[in-house]
Amino acid sequence: GETPGTGVKGAGEAHRSVARNSHGSLLALLALLVAGVIAVIVAAKLAVRRVRYLTRDPRRLAAACRQELADYLVDQHIDAARSATLHELGAIVQHELSVEPDAFVSAATAARFGPPAGAPSAAREARRELRVLLRRMRVRLRLTERVRGLLSLRSFGFTS
């Protein structure tokens, strides 16, 4: 402890205090680093998704919706999704997560392959239906699976 009558800590206790503070600082730095890496991954995924939707072409918007769903499934370690068609993606969602994808598949198919006159409204509907579908899929996943998918780099082509 303290040297009697001086209020000054002894050398041994001062050393333990410095060691404790440096461990705390190291842990704080490590936590900050991990948070930074997580933020970069999430920001990169959001940026890639937003760039895909920077078009007015309904067929490209439908393709962006298909790709977003495929990426989501790949990040959930459902690899068959990477090259699947819209109908195959729907079947995968139904089989793997027991979620009904028909409204999304219909809207995205109409936007991508339907008559040009109806494509813009079908593309808007496909985006709405994709949001609904993703929300329903998230409910079917455990929190750990959702976090793993959020942090997964598989949709960028990295396997983990």
N, C-alpha and C. Protein backbone atom coordinates (compact mmCIF):
# COMPACT_ATOMS: atom_id res chain seq x y z
N GLY A 1 0.76 -1.17 0.00
CA GLY A 1 0.00 0.00 0.00
C GLY A 1 0.81 1.26 0.00
N GLU A 2 0.34 2.19 0.77
CA GLU A 2 0.96 3.51 0.86
C GLU A 2 2.10 3.47 1.86
N THR A 3 3.09 4.32 1.63
CA THR A 3 4.15 4.48 2.60
C THR A 3 3.52 5.20 3.78
N PRO A 4 3.69 4.65 5.00
CA PRO A 4 3.01 5.21 6.18
C PRO A 4 3.25 6.71 6.32
N GLY A 5 2.14 7.42 6.51
CA GLY A 5 2.20 8.84 6.80
C GLY A 5 2.42 9.73 5.59
N THR A 6 2.64 9.17 4.37
CA THR A 6 2.94 10.03 3.22
C THR A 6 1.79 10.11 2.23
N GLY A 7 0.88 9.10 2.23
CA GLY A 7 -0.19 9.06 1.24
C GLY A 7 0.31 8.69 -0.14
N VAL A 8 1.57 8.21 -0.25
CA VAL A 8 2.17 7.85 -1.53
C VAL A 8 2.17 6.33 -1.65
N LYS A 9 1.76 5.84 -2.83
CA LYS A 9 1.73 4.40 -3.06
C LYS A 9 3.15 3.86 -3.17
N GLY A 10 3.33 2.65 -2.72
CA GLY A 10 4.62 1.99 -2.85
C GLY A 10 4.87 1.59 -4.29
N ALA A 11 6.08 1.26 -4.64
CA ALA A 11 6.47 0.92 -6.01
C ALA A 11 5.71 -0.27 -6.54
N GLY A 12 5.48 -1.29 -5.72
CA GLY A 12 4.77 -2.50 -6.17
C GLY A 12 3.34 -2.21 -6.55
N GLU A 13 2.66 -1.42 -5.73
CA GLU A 13 1.27 -1.11 -6.03
C GLU A 13 1.16 -0.19 -7.24
N ALA A 14 2.04 0.74 -7.41
CA ALA A 14 2.04 1.62 -8.58
C ALA A 14 2.22 0.80 -9.85
N HIS A 15 3.11 -0.20 -9.81
CA HIS A 15 3.35 -1.06 -10.97
C HIS A 15 2.08 -1.85 -11.32
N ARG A 16 1.39 -2.40 -10.30
CA ARG A 16 0.15 -3.15 -10.55
C ARG A 16 -0.93 -2.24 -11.14
N SER A 17 -1.00 -1.01 -10.67
CA SER A 17 -1.98 -0.06 -11.18
C SER A 17 -1.72 0.27 -12.65
N VAL A 18 -0.46 0.48 -13.03
CA VAL A 18 -0.10 0.76 -14.42
C VAL A 18 -0.41 -0.45 -15.30
N ALA A 19 -0.10 -1.65 -14.81
CA ALA A 19 -0.38 -2.88 -15.58
C ALA A 19 -1.88 -3.03 -15.80
N ARG A 20 -2.69 -2.76 -14.75
CA ARG A 20 -4.13 -2.87 -14.87
C ARG A 20 -4.65 -1.86 -15.90
N ASN A 21 -4.15 -0.64 -15.86
CA ASN A 21 -4.57 0.40 -16.80
C ASN A 21 -4.18 0.06 -18.23
N SER A 22 -2.99 -0.51 -18.44
CA SER A 22 -2.57 -0.85 -19.80
C SER A 22 -3.40 -2.00 -20.37
N HIS A 23 -3.80 -2.96 -19.51
CA HIS A 23 -4.67 -4.04 -19.98
C HIS A 23 -6.04 -3.49 -20.38
N GLY A 24 -6.56 -2.57 -19.56
CA GLY A 24 -7.84 -1.94 -19.88
C GLY A 24 -7.77 -1.16 -21.17
N SER A 25 -6.68 -0.43 -21.38
CA SER A 25 -6.50 0.34 -22.61
C SER A 25 -6.39 -0.56 -23.82
N LEU A 26 -5.68 -1.67 -23.65
CA LEU A 26 -5.51 -2.63 -24.74
C LEU A 26 -6.85 -3.24 -25.13
N LEU A 27 -7.65 -3.60 -24.11
CA LEU A 27 -8.97 -4.17 -24.40
C LEU A 27 -9.87 -3.13 -25.07
N ALA A 28 -9.80 -1.90 -24.63
CA ALA A 28 -10.60 -0.84 -25.25
C ALA A 28 -10.18 -0.63 -26.70
N LEU A 29 -8.89 -0.65 -26.95
CA LEU A 29 -8.38 -0.49 -28.32
C LEU A 29 -8.83 -1.66 -29.20
N LEU A 30 -8.77 -2.86 -28.66
CA LEU A 30 -9.20 -4.05 -29.40
C LEU A 30 -10.70 -3.97 -29.71
N ALA A 31 -11.50 -3.57 -28.73
CA ALA A 31 -12.94 -3.43 -28.94
C ALA A 31 -13.23 -2.38 -30.01
N LEU A 32 -12.49 -1.28 -29.97
CA LEU A 32 -12.64 -0.23 -30.98
C LEU A 32 -12.28 -0.74 -32.37
N LEU A 33 -11.23 -1.52 -32.45
CA LEU A 33 -10.80 -2.10 -33.72
C LEU A 33 -11.86 -3.05 -34.27
N VAL A 34 -12.41 -3.92 -33.42
CA VAL A 34 -13.45 -4.85 -33.85
C VAL A 34 -14.68 -4.08 -34.31
N ALA A 35 -15.07 -3.06 -33.56
CA ALA A 35 -16.22 -2.24 -33.96
C ALA A 35 -15.98 -1.57 -35.30
N GLY A 36 -14.75 -1.13 -35.53
CA GLY A 36 -14.41 -0.50 -36.81
C GLY A 36 -14.51 -1.48 -37.96
N VAL A 37 -14.04 -2.69 -37.77
CA VAL A 37 -14.11 -3.72 -38.81
C VAL A 37 -15.58 -4.04 -39.12
N ILE A 38 -16.38 -4.18 -38.07
CA ILE A 38 -17.81 -4.45 -38.27
C ILE A 38 -18.47 -3.31 -39.04
N ALA A 39 -18.16 -2.09 -38.68
CA ALA A 39 -18.73 -0.93 -39.36
C ALA A 39 -18.33 -0.90 -40.83
N VAL A 40 -17.09 -1.24 -41.15
CA VAL A 40 -16.64 -1.26 -42.54
C VAL A 40 -17.39 -2.33 -43.34
N ILE A 41 -17.56 -3.52 -42.76
CA ILE A 41 -18.28 -4.59 -43.45
C ILE A 41 -19.72 -4.17 -43.74
N VAL A 42 -20.40 -3.66 -42.72
CA VAL A 42 -21.80 -3.25 -42.88
C VAL A 42 -21.91 -2.11 -43.89
N ALA A 43 -21.02 -1.13 -43.80
CA ALA A 43 -21.05 0.00 -44.75
C ALA A 43 -20.79 -0.48 -46.17
N ALA A 44 -19.86 -1.41 -46.35
CA ALA A 44 -19.57 -1.93 -47.69
C ALA A 44 -20.79 -2.63 -48.27
N LYS A 45 -21.46 -3.44 -47.46
CA LYS A 45 -22.66 -4.13 -47.94
C LYS A 45 -23.75 -3.14 -48.32
N LEU A 46 -23.95 -2.12 -47.49
CA LEU A 46 -24.96 -1.11 -47.81
C LEU A 46 -24.60 -0.35 -49.09
N ALA A 47 -23.33 -0.02 -49.25
CA ALA A 47 -22.89 0.72 -50.45
C ALA A 47 -23.11 -0.11 -51.71
N VAL A 48 -22.73 -1.37 -51.67
CA VAL A 48 -22.90 -2.25 -52.83
C VAL A 48 -24.38 -2.34 -53.18
N ARG A 49 -25.22 -2.51 -52.17
CA ARG A 49 -26.66 -2.63 -52.41
C ARG A 49 -27.20 -1.33 -53.02
N ARG A 50 -26.83 -0.20 -52.47
CA ARG A 50 -27.34 1.08 -52.99
C ARG A 50 -26.89 1.35 -54.42
N VAL A 51 -25.65 1.01 -54.73
CA VAL A 51 -25.14 1.23 -56.09
C VAL A 51 -25.94 0.42 -57.09
N ARG A 52 -26.33 -0.79 -56.74
CA ARG A 52 -27.12 -1.63 -57.64
C ARG A 52 -28.44 -0.96 -58.03
N TYR A 53 -29.01 -0.21 -57.10
CA TYR A 53 -30.32 0.39 -57.32
C TYR A 53 -30.25 1.77 -57.97
N LEU A 54 -29.07 2.21 -58.34
CA LEU A 54 -28.91 3.53 -58.97
C LEU A 54 -29.20 3.44 -60.47
N THR A 55 -30.41 3.08 -60.79
CA THR A 55 -30.85 3.00 -62.18
C THR A 55 -32.35 3.20 -62.22
N ARG A 56 -32.82 3.66 -63.35
CA ARG A 56 -34.27 3.79 -63.54
C ARG A 56 -34.80 2.64 -64.40
N ASP A 57 -33.91 1.85 -64.93
CA ASP A 57 -34.29 0.72 -65.78
C ASP A 57 -34.96 -0.36 -64.93
N PRO A 58 -36.24 -0.63 -65.16
CA PRO A 58 -36.96 -1.61 -64.33
C PRO A 58 -36.34 -3.01 -64.40
N ARG A 59 -35.77 -3.36 -65.54
CA ARG A 59 -35.16 -4.69 -65.66
C ARG A 59 -33.91 -4.79 -64.78
N ARG A 60 -33.15 -3.70 -64.75
CA ARG A 60 -31.96 -3.68 -63.87
C ARG A 60 -32.37 -3.64 -62.40
N LEU A 61 -33.46 -2.94 -62.09
CA LEU A 61 -33.94 -2.92 -60.71
C LEU A 61 -34.37 -4.32 -60.28
N ALA A 62 -35.05 -5.04 -61.17
CA ALA A 62 -35.45 -6.42 -60.86
C ALA A 62 -34.21 -7.30 -60.68
N ALA A 63 -33.21 -7.09 -61.51
CA ALA A 63 -31.96 -7.86 -61.37
C ALA A 63 -31.27 -7.52 -60.05
N ALA A 64 -31.33 -6.24 -59.64
CA ALA A 64 -30.74 -5.84 -58.36
C ALA A 64 -31.48 -6.51 -57.20
N CYS A 65 -32.79 -6.62 -57.29
CA CYS A 65 -33.57 -7.31 -56.26
C CYS A 65 -33.18 -8.78 -56.19
N ARG A 66 -33.07 -9.42 -57.35
CA ARG A 66 -32.67 -10.83 -57.39
C ARG A 66 -31.30 -11.00 -56.76
N GLN A 67 -30.38 -10.11 -57.10
CA GLN A 67 -29.02 -10.21 -56.58
C GLN A 67 -28.97 -9.97 -55.07
N GLU A 68 -29.78 -9.03 -54.58
CA GLU A 68 -29.81 -8.78 -53.14
C GLU A 68 -30.31 -10.01 -52.39
N LEU A 69 -31.36 -10.65 -52.92
CA LEU A 69 -31.87 -11.86 -52.28
C LEU A 69 -30.83 -12.97 -52.34
N ALA A 70 -30.19 -13.15 -53.49
CA ALA A 70 -29.16 -14.18 -53.63
C ALA A 70 -28.01 -13.93 -52.64
N ASP A 71 -27.58 -12.67 -52.54
CA ASP A 71 -26.51 -12.32 -51.60
C ASP A 71 -26.91 -12.63 -50.16
N TYR A 72 -28.15 -12.30 -49.81
CA TYR A 72 -28.62 -12.56 -48.46
C TYR A 72 -28.55 -14.06 -48.15
N LEU A 73 -29.01 -14.86 -49.09
CA LEU A 73 -28.99 -16.31 -48.90
C LEU A 73 -27.56 -16.85 -48.84
N VAL A 74 -26.69 -16.35 -49.70
CA VAL A 74 -25.29 -16.78 -49.68
C VAL A 74 -24.65 -16.43 -48.33
N ASP A 75 -24.95 -15.24 -47.82
CA ASP A 75 -24.42 -14.86 -46.51
C ASP A 75 -24.96 -15.75 -45.39
N GLN A 76 -26.10 -16.38 -45.62
CA GLN A 76 -26.66 -17.33 -44.67
C GLN A 76 -26.16 -18.76 -44.94
N HIS A 77 -25.12 -18.86 -45.77
CA HIS A 77 -24.47 -20.14 -46.11
C HIS A 77 -25.39 -21.05 -46.92
N ILE A 78 -26.22 -20.44 -47.78
CA ILE A 78 -27.06 -21.18 -48.71
C ILE A 78 -26.46 -20.91 -50.09
N ASP A 79 -25.46 -21.70 -50.47
CA ASP A 79 -24.64 -21.42 -51.64
C ASP A 79 -25.35 -21.59 -52.98
N ALA A 80 -26.37 -22.39 -53.05
CA ALA A 80 -27.07 -22.61 -54.31
C ALA A 80 -27.67 -21.32 -54.85
N ALA A 81 -27.79 -20.32 -54.01
CA ALA A 81 -28.45 -19.07 -54.39
C ALA A 81 -27.63 -18.22 -55.34
N ARG A 82 -26.32 -18.38 -55.35
CA ARG A 82 -25.45 -17.47 -56.11
C ARG A 82 -25.85 -17.37 -57.59
N SER A 83 -26.17 -18.48 -58.23
CA SER A 83 -26.47 -18.45 -59.66
C SER A 83 -27.93 -18.82 -59.97
N ALA A 84 -28.76 -18.85 -58.96
CA ALA A 84 -30.14 -19.28 -59.15
C ALA A 84 -30.97 -18.24 -59.89
N THR A 85 -31.95 -18.73 -60.64
CA THR A 85 -32.93 -17.83 -61.28
C THR A 85 -33.90 -17.33 -60.22
N LEU A 86 -34.77 -16.41 -60.60
CA LEU A 86 -35.78 -15.92 -59.66
C LEU A 86 -36.64 -17.05 -59.11
N HIS A 87 -37.10 -17.93 -59.99
CA HIS A 87 -37.95 -19.04 -59.54
C HIS A 87 -37.18 -20.01 -58.66
N GLU A 88 -35.92 -20.26 -59.00
CA GLU A 88 -35.09 -21.14 -58.16
C GLU A 88 -34.83 -20.50 -56.79
N LEU A 89 -34.59 -19.18 -56.78
CA LEU A 89 -34.43 -18.49 -55.49
C LEU A 89 -35.69 -18.64 -54.64
N GLY A 90 -36.85 -18.49 -55.27
CA GLY A 90 -38.11 -18.66 -54.55
C GLY A 90 -38.21 -20.05 -53.94
N ALA A 91 -37.85 -21.06 -54.72
CA ALA A 91 -37.90 -22.43 -54.21
C ALA A 91 -36.92 -22.63 -53.05
N ILE A 92 -35.75 -22.01 -53.14
CA ILE A 92 -34.75 -22.12 -52.07
C ILE A 92 -35.28 -21.46 -50.80
N VAL A 93 -35.86 -20.27 -50.93
CA VAL A 93 -36.41 -19.56 -49.76
C VAL A 93 -37.50 -20.41 -49.12
N GLN A 94 -38.37 -20.97 -49.95
CA GLN A 94 -39.46 -21.81 -49.44
C GLN A 94 -38.90 -23.03 -48.73
N HIS A 95 -37.94 -23.70 -49.33
CA HIS A 95 -37.40 -24.93 -48.77
C HIS A 95 -36.54 -24.69 -47.53
N GLU A 96 -35.65 -23.73 -47.60
CA GLU A 96 -34.68 -23.51 -46.52
C GLU A 96 -35.26 -22.76 -45.32
N LEU A 97 -36.17 -21.81 -45.58
CA LEU A 97 -36.65 -20.95 -44.49
C LEU A 97 -38.16 -21.02 -44.28
N SER A 98 -38.85 -21.81 -45.10
CA SER A 98 -40.31 -21.95 -45.00
C SER A 98 -41.02 -20.61 -45.05
N VAL A 99 -40.57 -19.77 -45.97
CA VAL A 99 -41.18 -18.46 -46.19
C VAL A 99 -41.72 -18.43 -47.62
N GLU A 100 -42.93 -17.92 -47.77
CA GLU A 100 -43.60 -17.88 -49.07
C GLU A 100 -43.05 -16.72 -49.90
N PRO A 101 -42.38 -17.00 -51.03
CA PRO A 101 -41.75 -15.95 -51.84
C PRO A 101 -42.52 -15.56 -53.09
N ASP A 102 -43.71 -16.12 -53.31
CA ASP A 102 -44.39 -15.98 -54.60
C ASP A 102 -44.67 -14.52 -55.01
N ALA A 103 -45.06 -13.67 -54.07
CA ALA A 103 -45.37 -12.28 -54.43
C ALA A 103 -44.11 -11.58 -54.96
N PHE A 104 -42.98 -11.83 -54.30
CA PHE A 104 -41.73 -11.23 -54.77
C PHE A 104 -41.34 -11.80 -56.13
N VAL A 105 -41.38 -13.11 -56.27
CA VAL A 105 -40.97 -13.74 -57.53
C VAL A 105 -41.84 -13.25 -58.68
N SER A 106 -43.14 -13.15 -58.46
CA SER A 106 -44.04 -12.67 -59.51
C SER A 106 -43.73 -11.24 -59.92
N ALA A 107 -43.56 -10.37 -58.93
CA ALA A 107 -43.29 -8.95 -59.23
C ALA A 107 -41.94 -8.80 -59.93
N ALA A 108 -40.91 -9.48 -59.44
CA ALA A 108 -39.58 -9.36 -60.04
C ALA A 108 -39.57 -9.95 -61.44
N THR A 109 -40.28 -11.04 -61.64
CA THR A 109 -40.36 -11.65 -62.98
C THR A 109 -41.08 -10.71 -63.95
N ALA A 110 -42.16 -10.08 -63.49
CA ALA A 110 -42.89 -9.13 -64.34
C ALA A 110 -42.01 -7.93 -64.69
N ALA A 111 -41.24 -7.45 -63.74
CA ALA A 111 -40.35 -6.31 -64.01
C ALA A 111 -39.23 -6.69 -64.95
N ARG A 112 -38.72 -7.89 -64.80
CA ARG A 112 -37.55 -8.31 -65.58
C ARG A 112 -37.92 -8.79 -66.98
N PHE A 113 -39.02 -9.53 -67.07
CA PHE A 113 -39.33 -10.21 -68.33
C PHE A 113 -40.69 -9.86 -68.92
N GLY A 114 -41.48 -9.06 -68.22
CA GLY A 114 -42.83 -8.73 -68.68
C GLY A 114 -42.81 -7.62 -69.71
N PRO A 115 -44.00 -7.23 -70.14
CA PRO A 115 -44.13 -6.15 -71.12
C PRO A 115 -43.53 -4.85 -70.58
N PRO A 116 -42.84 -4.09 -71.43
CA PRO A 116 -42.19 -2.84 -70.99
C PRO A 116 -43.14 -1.85 -70.33
N ALA A 117 -44.38 -1.80 -70.75
CA ALA A 117 -45.32 -0.82 -70.19
C ALA A 117 -45.56 -1.04 -68.70
N GLY A 118 -45.59 -2.29 -68.26
CA GLY A 118 -45.87 -2.58 -66.85
C GLY A 118 -44.61 -2.75 -66.01
N ALA A 119 -43.44 -2.71 -66.64
CA ALA A 119 -42.19 -2.99 -65.93
C ALA A 119 -41.89 -2.00 -64.80
N PRO A 120 -42.08 -0.69 -64.99
CA PRO A 120 -41.76 0.25 -63.89
C PRO A 120 -42.55 -0.02 -62.61
N SER A 121 -43.85 -0.22 -62.74
CA SER A 121 -44.65 -0.49 -61.53
C SER A 121 -44.31 -1.86 -60.95
N ALA A 122 -44.01 -2.82 -61.80
CA ALA A 122 -43.61 -4.15 -61.31
C ALA A 122 -42.28 -4.07 -60.56
N ALA A 123 -41.37 -3.21 -61.02
CA ALA A 123 -40.08 -3.06 -60.34
C ALA A 123 -40.27 -2.45 -58.96
N ARG A 124 -41.14 -1.44 -58.85
CA ARG A 124 -41.44 -0.85 -57.54
C ARG A 124 -42.05 -1.89 -56.61
N GLU A 125 -42.96 -2.69 -57.17
CA GLU A 125 -43.60 -3.76 -56.39
C GLU A 125 -42.57 -4.82 -55.98
N ALA A 126 -41.63 -5.13 -56.85
CA ALA A 126 -40.59 -6.12 -56.53
C ALA A 126 -39.74 -5.64 -55.35
N ARG A 127 -39.39 -4.37 -55.34
CA ARG A 127 -38.61 -3.82 -54.21
C ARG A 127 -39.40 -3.89 -52.91
N ARG A 128 -40.68 -3.53 -52.97
CA ARG A 128 -41.54 -3.62 -51.78
C ARG A 128 -41.63 -5.06 -51.30
N GLU A 129 -41.89 -5.96 -52.23
CA GLU A 129 -42.04 -7.38 -51.87
C GLU A 129 -40.72 -7.97 -51.36
N LEU A 130 -39.60 -7.50 -51.89
CA LEU A 130 -38.30 -7.97 -51.39
C LEU A 130 -38.12 -7.57 -49.93
N ARG A 131 -38.46 -6.33 -49.59
CA ARG A 131 -38.35 -5.88 -48.19
C ARG A 131 -39.21 -6.75 -47.28
N VAL A 132 -40.44 -7.05 -47.72
CA VAL A 132 -41.34 -7.90 -46.93
C VAL A 132 -40.74 -9.30 -46.80
N LEU A 133 -40.25 -9.83 -47.90
CA LEU A 133 -39.67 -11.18 -47.89
C LEU A 133 -38.46 -11.26 -46.96
N LEU A 134 -37.57 -10.28 -47.06
CA LEU A 134 -36.38 -10.28 -46.19
C LEU A 134 -36.77 -10.18 -44.72
N ARG A 135 -37.77 -9.36 -44.43
CA ARG A 135 -38.25 -9.24 -43.04
C ARG A 135 -38.77 -10.59 -42.54
N ARG A 136 -39.55 -11.27 -43.36
CA ARG A 136 -40.09 -12.58 -42.97
C ARG A 136 -38.98 -13.62 -42.82
N MET A 137 -37.98 -13.53 -43.66
CA MET A 137 -36.86 -14.47 -43.56
C MET A 137 -36.07 -14.22 -42.27
N ARG A 138 -35.86 -12.96 -41.93
CA ARG A 138 -35.11 -12.63 -40.70
C ARG A 138 -35.81 -13.20 -39.47
N VAL A 139 -37.14 -13.16 -39.46
CA VAL A 139 -37.90 -13.69 -38.33
C VAL A 139 -37.62 -15.20 -38.16
N ARG A 140 -37.39 -15.88 -39.26
CA ARG A 140 -37.16 -17.34 -39.22
C ARG A 140 -35.75 -17.69 -38.75
N LEU A 141 -34.85 -16.72 -38.72
CA LEU A 141 -33.46 -16.98 -38.35
C LEU A 141 -33.22 -16.61 -36.89
N ARG A 142 -32.32 -17.35 -36.25
CA ARG A 142 -31.90 -17.00 -34.90
C ARG A 142 -31.02 -15.75 -34.97
N LEU A 143 -30.92 -15.05 -33.87
CA LEU A 143 -30.12 -13.84 -33.82
C LEU A 143 -28.67 -14.12 -34.23
N THR A 144 -28.13 -15.23 -33.77
CA THR A 144 -26.74 -15.57 -34.13
C THR A 144 -26.58 -15.77 -35.63
N GLU A 145 -27.59 -16.37 -36.27
CA GLU A 145 -27.54 -16.56 -37.72
C GLU A 145 -27.62 -15.23 -38.45
N ARG A 146 -28.45 -14.34 -37.94
CA ARG A 146 -28.58 -13.01 -38.56
C ARG A 146 -27.29 -12.22 -38.44
N VAL A 147 -26.65 -12.28 -37.26
CA VAL A 147 -25.39 -11.57 -37.07
C VAL A 147 -24.31 -12.18 -37.95
N ARG A 148 -24.25 -13.50 -38.00
CA ARG A 148 -23.27 -14.18 -38.86
C ARG A 148 -23.46 -13.75 -40.31
N GLY A 149 -24.70 -13.69 -40.76
CA GLY A 149 -24.99 -13.26 -42.12
C GLY A 149 -24.60 -11.81 -42.36
N LEU A 150 -24.86 -10.96 -41.39
CA LEU A 150 -24.51 -9.55 -41.51
C LEU A 150 -23.00 -9.37 -41.66
N LEU A 151 -22.24 -10.17 -40.94
CA LEU A 151 -20.78 -10.04 -40.95
C LEU A 151 -20.10 -10.92 -42.00
N SER A 152 -20.87 -11.75 -42.66
CA SER A 152 -20.31 -12.66 -43.66
C SER A 152 -19.79 -11.90 -44.88
N LEU A 153 -18.70 -12.37 -45.41
CA LEU A 153 -18.13 -11.79 -46.63
C LEU A 153 -18.40 -12.68 -47.84
N ARG A 154 -19.21 -13.70 -47.66
CA ARG A 154 -19.49 -14.65 -48.75
C ARG A 154 -20.13 -13.97 -49.95
N SER A 155 -20.99 -12.99 -49.72
CA SER A 155 -21.67 -12.33 -50.83
C SER A 155 -20.69 -11.48 -51.64
N PHE A 156 -19.49 -11.23 -51.09
CA PHE A 156 -18.44 -10.53 -51.82
C PHE A 156 -17.54 -11.53 -52.56
N GLY A 157 -17.87 -12.82 -52.45
CA GLY A 157 -17.07 -13.83 -53.14
C GLY A 157 -16.04 -14.50 -52.25
N PHE A 158 -15.99 -14.09 -50.98
CA PHE A 158 -15.06 -14.73 -50.03
C PHE A 158 -15.82 -15.85 -49.35
N THR A 159 -15.17 -16.99 -49.15
CA THR A 159 -15.81 -18.07 -48.42
C THR A 159 -15.29 -18.05 -47.00
N SER A 160 -16.21 -18.26 -46.07
CA SER A 160 -15.82 -18.24 -44.65
C SER A 160 -16.44 -19.39 -43.92
